[in-house]
């Protein structure tokens, strides 16, 4: 038979307390308080909340705080604990099953906070952290999921099916939401919040059959037109022509992503050996790397830095994602380069990176070398998404075959 008790604890002497004959006297919330002193100079105070004391299914004495000072409420809590022990002894359930059932009724807000802390501790960037949590919040809300017990495969499959039917999101975007969910459920399993991963068997969609945006590489003639237009001296809200011209050259000559380029500082350049150091904090793959840069391009960067008095730790360029995008589109228009071809392929800022990979491939650079220069995880990714092979190139390739 269980009982309710009030436990004792020791704490520091309250501020303003007086000690007389080993008893502390003080006032708290308008009431006078007293407590006996301990040999180590602390005070011994009885808890105001009830603690349930009972024996578990193994005969072990357990003490669990009811977190309430109301005795009738505490008695009900104690009765529930004893009922659980009786059910376990009767073989109707197990302690682990009961623990799992309680956890599954946990609200997702607390679990998401724990997941956020885990991501921060793992070194995730603010951009990745924000994007992942936003995707999680959106899909969980769309699926009507508020508890861990509601994380079911069927709910997510219905969401995916609805997105496909309505064509509100591309396959690639749907996959990004699914990836966010999969990462979260893996964490829940590893943290013993879930006994099994409910979305593990859901396969990602084939992005190739539903690509909303297909980039293309610029031709050599288009590259010349773009650079000539940028160098023509047109100003765009303090975004100077020579700055745009240098930015385009760097993107085309290094394959840097727009964000990586915007964070460049003079300290990252080795002007003696013509190298560029990319720190892990500024890259997409979170890895340090050193890239070779053509001497003429390095010299242009050095001249720009000296001309504008840019300090080693300052950013070299002033642009942001919106300003470079607007300027590129304006320069493409002035150069007579179509932003989108009749077959739906388009040119944007990231297409300059694709142009970098394509020009390397056309120059006969081995695929593995192109992969390393573009800092991809696999050669397949480089070949699949970042190299254009035009029909004329394939015709020239097969023309090299012997006659037979």
Protein backbone atom coordinates (compact mmCIF):
# COMPACT_ATOMS: atom_id res chain seq x y z
CA UNK A 1 0.00 0.00 0.00
CA UNK A 2 1.49 3.31 -1.05
CA UNK A 3 1.61 6.45 1.04
CA UNK A 4 2.00 10.18 0.52
CA UNK A 5 4.90 11.96 2.20
CA UNK A 6 6.44 15.39 2.29
CA UNK A 7 10.16 15.17 1.68
CA UNK A 8 12.85 17.29 3.29
CA UNK A 9 15.59 19.19 1.56
CA UNK A 10 18.47 21.44 2.61
CA UNK A 11 19.14 24.81 1.04
CA UNK A 12 21.12 27.99 1.65
CA UNK A 13 20.01 30.35 4.37
CA UNK A 14 17.38 32.73 2.89
CA UNK A 15 18.43 36.32 2.43
CA UNK A 16 17.63 38.48 5.45
CA UNK A 17 17.22 35.47 7.80
CA UNK A 18 18.38 35.60 11.42
CA UNK A 19 19.69 32.55 13.28
CA UNK A 20 18.81 31.99 16.93
CA UNK A 21 19.64 28.73 18.75
CA UNK A 22 20.27 26.78 15.52
CA UNK A 23 16.96 27.95 14.03
CA UNK A 24 16.65 30.33 11.09
CA UNK A 25 13.87 32.92 11.08
CA UNK A 26 12.78 34.92 8.01
CA UNK A 27 9.76 36.35 6.20
CA UNK A 28 8.65 35.11 2.76
CA UNK A 29 5.55 36.29 0.87
CA UNK A 30 4.34 38.10 3.98
CA UNK A 31 4.55 35.00 6.20
CA UNK A 32 7.02 34.23 8.95
CA UNK A 33 9.12 31.12 8.34
CA UNK A 34 11.40 29.04 10.54
CA UNK A 35 13.73 26.13 9.83
CA UNK A 36 16.33 24.12 11.68
CA UNK A 37 19.97 24.61 10.77
CA UNK A 38 22.18 21.73 9.59
CA UNK A 39 25.78 21.19 10.75
CA UNK A 40 27.08 22.53 7.43
CA UNK A 41 25.31 25.86 7.84
CA UNK A 42 22.25 25.25 5.64
CA UNK A 43 18.56 25.16 6.55
CA UNK A 44 16.34 22.06 6.46
CA UNK A 45 12.97 22.71 4.81
CA UNK A 46 10.01 20.40 4.20
CA UNK A 47 8.59 20.36 0.67
CA UNK A 48 5.15 21.87 0.14
CA UNK A 49 4.26 19.28 -2.52
CA UNK A 50 3.38 15.62 -1.92
CA UNK A 51 5.56 12.70 -2.97
CA UNK A 52 4.04 9.31 -3.82
CA UNK A 53 5.87 6.39 -2.19
CA UNK A 54 5.06 2.85 -3.36
CA UNK A 55 6.65 -0.44 -4.35
CA UNK A 56 7.01 -1.23 -8.06
CA UNK A 57 6.49 -4.61 -9.74
CA UNK A 58 9.94 -5.72 -8.56
CA UNK A 59 9.35 -4.77 -4.93
CA UNK A 60 11.59 -1.73 -5.15
CA UNK A 61 10.53 1.34 -3.18
CA UNK A 62 9.84 4.25 -5.55
CA UNK A 63 9.38 7.89 -4.69
CA UNK A 64 7.87 10.14 -7.37
CA UNK A 65 6.88 13.76 -6.84
CA UNK A 66 3.23 14.44 -7.60
CA UNK A 67 4.12 18.12 -8.16
CA UNK A 68 1.00 19.19 -6.29
CA UNK A 69 0.28 20.39 -2.75
CA UNK A 70 -3.36 19.28 -3.01
CA UNK A 71 -3.67 16.01 -1.09
CA UNK A 72 -6.75 14.71 -2.94
CA UNK A 73 -5.07 15.23 -6.30
CA UNK A 74 -1.90 13.58 -5.00
CA UNK A 75 -3.93 10.56 -3.81
CA UNK A 76 -5.34 10.08 -7.31
CA UNK A 77 -1.84 10.20 -8.77
CA UNK A 78 -0.63 7.63 -6.25
CA UNK A 79 -3.59 5.39 -7.10
CA UNK A 80 -2.68 5.59 -10.77
CA UNK A 81 0.91 4.52 -10.06
CA UNK A 82 -0.32 1.55 -8.00
CA UNK A 83 -2.78 0.61 -10.75
CA UNK A 84 0.07 0.55 -13.27
CA UNK A 85 2.05 -1.77 -11.00
CA UNK A 86 -0.95 -4.11 -10.70
CA UNK A 87 -1.36 -4.25 -14.49
CA UNK A 88 2.32 -5.08 -14.97
CA UNK A 89 2.16 -7.81 -12.32
CA UNK A 90 -0.89 -9.26 -14.09
CA UNK A 91 1.05 -9.46 -17.35
CA UNK A 92 -1.27 -7.04 -19.15
CA UNK A 93 1.54 -4.65 -20.10
CA UNK A 94 5.22 -3.87 -19.45
CA UNK A 95 7.02 -0.88 -18.02
CA UNK A 96 8.62 -0.17 -21.40
CA UNK A 97 5.26 -0.27 -23.20
CA UNK A 98 3.77 2.12 -20.67
CA UNK A 99 6.76 4.46 -21.02
CA UNK A 100 6.46 4.42 -24.80
CA UNK A 101 2.72 5.10 -24.62
CA UNK A 102 3.29 8.13 -22.38
CA UNK A 103 5.98 9.52 -24.66
CA UNK A 104 3.77 9.12 -27.74
CA UNK A 105 1.27 11.49 -26.15
CA UNK A 106 3.98 14.14 -25.82
CA UNK A 107 3.30 17.40 -27.66
CA UNK A 108 5.61 18.05 -30.60
CA UNK A 109 6.54 21.57 -29.53
CA UNK A 110 8.81 20.32 -26.73
CA UNK A 111 10.35 17.66 -28.97
CA UNK A 112 11.01 20.20 -31.72
CA UNK A 113 12.78 22.43 -29.20
CA UNK A 114 14.99 19.48 -28.24
CA UNK A 115 15.64 18.76 -31.93
CA UNK A 116 16.59 22.40 -32.51
CA UNK A 117 19.09 22.20 -29.65
CA UNK A 118 20.55 19.02 -31.13
CA UNK A 119 20.98 20.67 -34.54
CA UNK A 120 22.70 23.70 -33.02
CA UNK A 121 25.02 21.44 -31.03
CA UNK A 122 25.84 19.56 -34.25
CA UNK A 123 27.06 22.79 -35.83
CA UNK A 124 24.24 23.36 -38.34
CA UNK A 125 24.27 26.75 -40.02
CA UNK A 126 21.57 29.26 -39.17
CA UNK A 127 20.24 29.03 -42.73
CA UNK A 128 19.97 25.22 -42.61
CA UNK A 129 18.47 25.30 -39.12
CA UNK A 130 15.84 27.89 -40.06
CA UNK A 131 14.96 26.18 -43.34
CA UNK A 132 14.61 22.73 -41.76
CA UNK A 133 12.43 23.93 -38.89
CA UNK A 134 10.23 25.94 -41.26
CA UNK A 135 9.69 22.91 -43.50
CA UNK A 136 8.95 20.72 -40.47
CA UNK A 137 6.46 23.23 -39.10
CA UNK A 138 4.70 23.53 -42.47
CA UNK A 139 4.33 19.82 -43.19
CA UNK A 140 3.35 18.91 -39.61
CA UNK A 141 0.72 21.64 -39.64
CA UNK A 142 -0.58 20.58 -43.08
CA UNK A 143 -0.83 16.98 -41.86
CA UNK A 144 -2.59 17.99 -38.63
CA UNK A 145 0.12 16.43 -36.46
CA UNK A 146 0.41 17.71 -32.89
CA UNK A 147 1.54 14.60 -30.96
CA UNK A 148 4.31 12.07 -31.44
CA UNK A 149 1.65 9.35 -31.71
CA UNK A 150 0.31 11.07 -34.83
CA UNK A 151 3.58 10.68 -36.77
CA UNK A 152 2.21 8.09 -39.17
CA UNK A 153 3.33 7.09 -42.65
CA UNK A 154 -0.18 7.45 -44.09
CA UNK A 155 -0.48 11.11 -43.12
CA UNK A 156 2.72 12.02 -44.95
CA UNK A 157 1.85 9.92 -48.01
CA UNK A 158 -1.51 11.68 -48.28
CA UNK A 159 0.29 15.04 -48.06
CA UNK A 160 2.69 14.05 -50.85
CA UNK A 161 -0.16 12.77 -53.02
CA UNK A 162 -2.07 16.02 -52.51
CA UNK A 163 0.97 18.11 -53.47
CA UNK A 164 1.46 16.06 -56.65
CA UNK A 165 -2.20 16.34 -57.66
CA UNK A 166 -2.41 20.07 -57.01
CA UNK A 167 1.05 20.66 -58.50
CA UNK A 168 1.71 23.26 -55.83
CA UNK A 169 5.29 22.12 -55.26
CA UNK A 170 7.86 20.47 -57.49
CA UNK A 171 9.22 16.99 -56.81
CA UNK A 172 12.48 18.52 -55.66
CA UNK A 173 10.71 20.77 -53.14
CA UNK A 174 8.56 17.90 -51.88
CA UNK A 175 11.72 15.85 -51.38
CA UNK A 176 13.27 18.66 -49.35
CA UNK A 177 10.25 18.62 -47.01
CA UNK A 178 10.45 14.83 -46.80
CA UNK A 179 14.16 15.04 -45.96
CA UNK A 180 13.38 17.40 -43.09
CA UNK A 181 10.81 14.95 -41.73
CA UNK A 182 13.13 11.96 -42.13
CA UNK A 183 15.92 13.70 -40.22
CA UNK A 184 13.50 14.53 -37.43
CA UNK A 185 12.08 11.00 -37.14
CA UNK A 186 15.59 9.50 -37.11
CA UNK A 187 16.39 11.79 -34.18
CA UNK A 188 13.17 10.71 -32.43
CA UNK A 189 14.09 7.03 -32.80
CA UNK A 190 17.67 7.58 -31.64
CA UNK A 191 16.34 9.48 -28.61
CA UNK A 192 13.93 6.60 -27.78
CA UNK A 193 10.95 8.86 -28.38
CA UNK A 194 9.74 6.53 -31.13
CA UNK A 195 10.18 2.77 -31.28
CA UNK A 196 10.32 2.75 -35.09
CA UNK A 197 10.75 5.28 -37.90
CA UNK A 198 7.31 5.83 -39.48
CA UNK A 199 8.64 7.41 -42.69
CA UNK A 200 11.73 5.29 -43.28
CA UNK A 201 10.13 3.34 -46.13
CA UNK A 202 8.75 6.42 -47.95
CA UNK A 203 10.82 6.88 -51.09
CA UNK A 204 11.73 10.23 -52.51
CA UNK A 205 10.16 11.33 -55.79
CA UNK A 206 11.99 11.23 -59.10
CA UNK A 207 12.99 14.85 -59.56
CA UNK A 208 13.89 14.38 -63.21
CA UNK A 209 10.28 13.85 -64.28
CA UNK A 210 9.07 17.02 -62.55
CA UNK A 211 11.76 19.64 -62.81
CA UNK A 212 10.17 23.09 -62.63
CA UNK A 213 13.44 24.87 -63.27
CA UNK A 214 16.12 23.57 -65.62
CA UNK A 215 19.22 25.73 -65.90
CA UNK A 216 21.46 25.87 -68.92
CA UNK A 217 25.05 26.90 -69.39
CA UNK A 218 25.94 29.98 -71.37
CA UNK A 219 27.78 29.51 -74.62
CA UNK A 220 31.22 31.07 -75.08
CA UNK A 221 29.68 33.73 -77.32
CA UNK A 222 27.05 34.54 -74.67
CA UNK A 223 29.74 34.75 -71.98
CA UNK A 224 31.62 37.35 -74.04
CA UNK A 225 28.44 39.34 -74.64
CA UNK A 226 27.57 39.31 -70.94
CA UNK A 227 31.03 40.45 -69.84
CA UNK A 228 31.17 43.15 -72.51
CA UNK A 229 27.76 44.44 -71.41
CA UNK A 230 28.75 44.48 -67.73
CA UNK A 231 31.93 46.39 -68.56
CA UNK A 232 30.03 49.00 -70.58
CA UNK A 233 29.74 51.33 -67.58
CA UNK A 234 26.05 51.10 -66.69
CA UNK A 235 25.35 51.93 -63.02
CA UNK A 236 22.61 50.21 -61.08
CA UNK A 237 21.92 51.77 -57.67
CA UNK A 238 25.60 52.03 -56.68
CA UNK A 239 26.25 48.52 -57.99
CA UNK A 240 29.09 49.58 -60.25
CA UNK A 241 29.74 48.12 -63.68
CA UNK A 242 33.35 47.15 -62.94
CA UNK A 243 32.17 45.36 -59.79
CA UNK A 244 29.55 43.37 -61.67
CA UNK A 245 32.09 42.58 -64.38
CA UNK A 246 34.52 41.18 -61.79
CA UNK A 247 31.78 39.23 -60.01
CA UNK A 248 30.72 37.53 -63.26
CA UNK A 249 34.34 36.70 -64.09
CA UNK A 250 34.89 35.16 -60.65
CA UNK A 251 31.74 33.05 -60.87
CA UNK A 252 32.64 31.86 -64.35
CA UNK A 253 36.29 31.30 -63.45
CA UNK A 254 35.95 29.60 -60.05
CA UNK A 255 32.45 28.08 -59.91
CA UNK A 256 31.79 29.84 -56.61
CA UNK A 257 28.21 29.98 -55.43
CA UNK A 258 26.66 33.41 -55.09
CA UNK A 259 26.58 33.26 -51.29
CA UNK A 260 30.20 32.08 -51.09
CA UNK A 261 31.29 34.92 -53.35
CA UNK A 262 29.38 37.52 -51.34
CA UNK A 263 31.30 36.51 -48.19
CA UNK A 264 34.77 36.66 -49.77
CA UNK A 265 37.45 38.66 -47.95
CA UNK A 266 40.98 39.60 -49.12
CA UNK A 267 42.44 37.34 -46.42
CA UNK A 268 41.13 34.29 -48.31
CA UNK A 269 43.32 34.98 -51.36
CA UNK A 270 46.91 33.82 -51.75
CA UNK A 271 48.07 36.40 -54.28
CA UNK A 272 51.51 34.78 -54.58
CA UNK A 273 50.41 31.25 -55.46
CA UNK A 274 47.10 32.22 -57.13
CA UNK A 275 44.88 30.33 -54.72
CA UNK A 276 41.61 30.94 -52.94
CA UNK A 277 40.85 29.42 -49.54
CA UNK A 278 37.19 28.65 -48.82
CA UNK A 279 36.46 28.12 -45.12
CA UNK A 280 33.93 25.51 -44.01
CA UNK A 281 31.74 28.18 -42.40
CA UNK A 282 31.13 29.78 -45.81
CA UNK A 283 30.48 26.68 -47.92
CA UNK A 284 27.43 24.56 -48.61
CA UNK A 285 29.16 21.26 -47.87
CA UNK A 286 30.73 22.63 -44.64
CA UNK A 287 34.27 21.70 -45.73
CA UNK A 288 37.45 23.73 -46.05
CA UNK A 289 38.92 23.85 -49.54
CA UNK A 290 41.59 25.55 -51.61
CA UNK A 291 40.83 26.48 -55.21
CA UNK A 292 43.29 27.44 -57.94
CA UNK A 293 42.48 30.73 -59.67
CA UNK A 294 43.84 31.97 -62.99
CA UNK A 295 46.62 34.58 -62.47
CA UNK A 296 44.84 37.25 -64.54
CA UNK A 297 41.71 36.87 -62.41
CA UNK A 298 43.70 37.01 -59.16
CA UNK A 299 45.40 40.18 -60.38
CA UNK A 300 42.02 41.77 -61.15
CA UNK A 301 40.80 40.96 -57.63
CA UNK A 302 43.97 42.42 -56.11
CA UNK A 303 43.59 45.62 -58.11
CA UNK A 304 39.94 45.94 -57.05
CA UNK A 305 40.89 45.49 -53.37
CA UNK A 306 43.66 48.10 -53.56
CA UNK A 307 41.51 50.53 -55.53
CA UNK A 308 38.72 50.43 -52.93
CA UNK A 309 40.94 50.20 -49.83
CA UNK A 310 39.31 46.98 -48.65
CA UNK A 311 40.78 45.63 -45.42
CA UNK A 312 41.78 41.92 -45.03
CA UNK A 313 38.71 41.00 -42.97
CA UNK A 314 36.18 43.12 -44.91
CA UNK A 315 33.92 41.78 -47.63
CA UNK A 316 35.22 42.40 -51.11
CA UNK A 317 31.80 42.92 -52.73
CA UNK A 318 28.71 44.83 -51.60
CA UNK A 319 26.00 42.86 -53.34
CA UNK A 320 23.29 40.61 -51.93
CA UNK A 321 21.26 37.86 -53.57
CA UNK A 322 18.52 40.23 -54.76
CA UNK A 323 20.83 42.89 -56.21
CA UNK A 324 23.04 40.48 -58.17
CA UNK A 325 19.96 38.72 -59.54
CA UNK A 326 18.38 41.96 -60.73
CA UNK A 327 21.62 43.16 -62.26
CA UNK A 328 22.28 39.87 -64.06
CA UNK A 329 18.79 39.85 -65.57
CA UNK A 330 19.22 43.45 -66.73
CA UNK A 331 22.64 42.68 -68.25
CA UNK A 332 21.28 39.58 -69.98
CA UNK A 333 18.53 41.68 -71.53
CA UNK A 334 20.95 44.38 -72.73
CA UNK A 335 23.27 41.70 -74.14
CA UNK A 336 20.41 40.11 -76.09
CA UNK A 337 20.63 36.82 -74.20
CA UNK A 338 17.30 35.10 -73.57
CA UNK A 339 16.67 34.23 -69.94
CA UNK A 340 14.66 31.22 -71.06
CA UNK A 341 14.91 29.13 -74.21
CA UNK A 342 11.90 27.67 -76.06
CA UNK A 343 12.57 24.28 -74.48
CA UNK A 344 12.18 25.78 -70.98
CA UNK A 345 15.83 25.96 -69.91
CA UNK A 346 16.73 29.16 -68.08
CA UNK A 347 19.67 31.33 -67.09
CA UNK A 348 20.07 32.73 -63.61
CA UNK A 349 22.94 33.53 -61.23
CA UNK A 350 23.56 29.85 -60.42
CA UNK A 351 23.73 29.10 -64.16
CA UNK A 352 27.15 30.80 -64.15
CA UNK A 353 28.37 27.96 -61.93
CA UNK A 354 26.90 25.48 -64.39
CA UNK A 355 28.73 27.32 -67.18
CA UNK A 356 31.99 26.88 -65.25
CA UNK A 357 31.50 23.10 -65.10
CA UNK A 358 30.42 22.84 -68.71
CA UNK A 359 33.40 24.83 -70.02
CA UNK A 360 35.78 22.59 -68.06
CA UNK A 361 34.17 19.47 -69.50
CA UNK A 362 34.31 20.84 -73.06
CA UNK A 363 37.99 21.61 -72.55
CA UNK A 364 38.59 17.92 -71.91
CA UNK A 365 39.12 18.17 -68.14
CA UNK A 366 38.46 14.74 -66.52
CA UNK A 367 35.13 14.45 -64.73
CA UNK A 368 36.74 13.70 -61.36
CA UNK A 369 38.80 16.89 -61.63
CA UNK A 370 35.69 18.91 -62.52
CA UNK A 371 33.99 17.35 -59.50
CA UNK A 372 36.81 18.47 -57.18
CA UNK A 373 36.86 21.99 -58.63
CA UNK A 374 33.11 22.27 -58.12
CA UNK A 375 33.39 20.64 -54.67
CA UNK A 376 30.70 18.05 -55.24
CA UNK A 377 30.29 14.85 -53.23
CA UNK A 378 30.18 12.59 -56.30
CA UNK A 379 31.11 12.78 -60.00
CA UNK A 380 27.54 11.70 -60.80
CA UNK A 381 26.15 14.91 -59.31
CA UNK A 382 28.57 16.96 -61.39
CA UNK A 383 27.73 15.16 -64.62
CA UNK A 384 24.00 15.07 -63.96
CA UNK A 385 23.27 18.64 -62.91
CA UNK A 386 26.21 20.86 -63.75
CA UNK A 387 27.41 19.93 -67.22
CA UNK A 388 25.53 20.65 -70.45
CA UNK A 389 26.14 18.38 -73.39
CA UNK A 390 24.72 19.90 -76.55
CA UNK A 391 23.77 17.82 -79.60
CA UNK A 392 26.59 19.45 -81.57
CA UNK A 393 29.08 18.22 -78.96
CA UNK A 394 27.76 14.68 -79.20
CA UNK A 395 27.94 14.85 -83.01
CA UNK A 396 31.58 15.89 -82.82
CA UNK A 397 32.23 13.03 -80.41
CA UNK A 398 30.75 10.29 -82.61
CA UNK A 399 32.51 11.76 -85.68
CA UNK A 400 35.76 10.63 -84.10
CA UNK A 401 34.72 6.98 -84.43
CA UNK A 402 36.44 4.98 -87.18
CA UNK A 403 34.52 4.16 -90.36
CA UNK A 404 32.94 0.72 -90.35
